[in-house]
Protein backbone atom coordinates (compact mmCIF):
# COMPACT_ATOMS: atom_id res chain seq x y z
CA GLY A 1 152.21 -84.26 -109.24
CA ARG A 2 155.00 -81.55 -110.94
CA ILE A 3 158.08 -82.79 -112.38
CA ALA A 4 161.66 -81.12 -113.15
CA PHE A 5 164.67 -82.84 -114.65
CA ARG A 6 167.50 -84.24 -112.39
CA GLN A 7 170.10 -82.03 -110.99
CA ALA A 8 172.46 -85.73 -110.11
CA ASN A 9 173.65 -88.47 -111.69
CA ALA A 10 170.92 -90.78 -110.18
CA ALA A 11 167.31 -89.55 -109.40
CA PRO A 12 164.24 -91.52 -107.55
CA TYR A 13 162.48 -91.99 -110.83
CA VAL A 14 162.68 -92.44 -114.50
CA PHE A 15 160.83 -91.55 -117.28
CA THR A 16 159.70 -95.02 -119.05
CA GLY A 17 158.85 -93.61 -122.83
CA LEU A 18 154.54 -93.03 -122.39
CA GLN A 19 153.72 -89.55 -122.73
CA VAL A 20 150.74 -87.26 -123.91
CA LEU A 21 150.90 -84.40 -125.53
CA LYS A 22 148.39 -81.82 -127.30
CA THR A 23 148.81 -81.48 -130.62
CA ALA A 24 149.75 -77.74 -130.30
CA LEU A 25 153.12 -78.39 -127.83
CA VAL A 26 154.72 -80.22 -130.93
CA GLU A 27 153.78 -78.22 -133.84
CA ILE A 28 155.91 -75.57 -131.51
CA GLY A 29 159.00 -78.27 -132.59
CA PRO A 30 161.65 -77.24 -135.30
CA ASP A 31 161.64 -78.97 -138.47
CA GLY A 32 162.50 -82.60 -139.00
CA PRO A 33 163.74 -84.68 -136.04
CA PHE A 34 163.97 -83.83 -132.54
CA SER A 35 164.09 -84.29 -128.67
CA THR A 36 161.08 -84.39 -127.66
CA ARG A 37 162.79 -82.88 -124.34
CA VAL A 38 162.51 -79.09 -126.45
CA LEU A 39 158.77 -80.19 -125.41
CA TRP A 40 159.38 -81.31 -121.54
CA GLN A 41 161.11 -77.94 -121.12
CA HIS A 42 158.46 -76.18 -122.75
CA ALA A 43 156.00 -77.56 -120.88
CA LEU A 44 157.86 -76.51 -117.71
CA GLU A 45 158.82 -73.50 -117.98
CA ARG A 46 155.10 -72.45 -118.52
CA GLY A 47 153.52 -74.64 -115.41
CA ARG A 48 152.37 -77.49 -117.91
CA LEU A 49 154.69 -80.81 -116.98
CA PHE A 50 154.02 -83.75 -115.04
CA GLY A 51 153.84 -87.37 -114.12
CA ALA A 52 152.39 -90.40 -112.09
CA VAL A 53 154.27 -92.79 -110.25
CA HIS A 54 153.03 -96.02 -111.99
CA HIS A 55 153.11 -98.69 -109.48
CA GLY A 56 151.98 -101.53 -111.26
CA ASP A 57 153.50 -104.31 -113.33
CA TRP A 58 155.93 -102.53 -116.55
CA MET A 59 156.58 -104.51 -119.32
CA HIS A 60 159.63 -103.49 -121.70
CA VAL A 61 158.40 -104.24 -125.27
CA GLY A 62 161.68 -101.65 -127.24
CA ASP A 63 163.00 -104.41 -129.42
CA PRO A 64 162.37 -108.15 -130.66
CA GLN A 65 163.29 -110.20 -127.32
CA GLY A 66 160.96 -107.48 -124.30
CA LEU A 67 158.43 -107.34 -127.19
CA ALA A 68 158.40 -111.54 -127.33
CA ALA A 69 158.78 -112.18 -123.11
CA ALA A 70 155.61 -109.42 -123.23
CA GLU A 71 153.68 -111.32 -125.38
CA ALA A 72 154.57 -115.07 -123.22
CA ARG A 73 153.49 -113.58 -120.05
CA LEU A 74 150.29 -111.85 -120.99
CA LYS A 75 149.49 -115.29 -122.91
CA GLY A 76 150.09 -117.42 -119.69
CA ALA A 77 148.75 -114.73 -117.79
CA ALA A 78 145.22 -115.12 -120.05
CA GLY A 79 145.69 -118.86 -120.15
């Protein structure tokens, strides 16, 4: 469904890092490094920002320890 940026210090959901963007959206960003929030705001203003609640498992793989834990978990599930 459609999403909005939180208006308080707490939020019922969290963005966990997966996004699907059209190349055209990325091309409107400024030159050099920038926050993807710029793109999200652009999409939000045009009624084109959507999200989905994931009810399954998820694993953090953003650092070596998280990746190792995820690999161990998946290896255990395969055996």
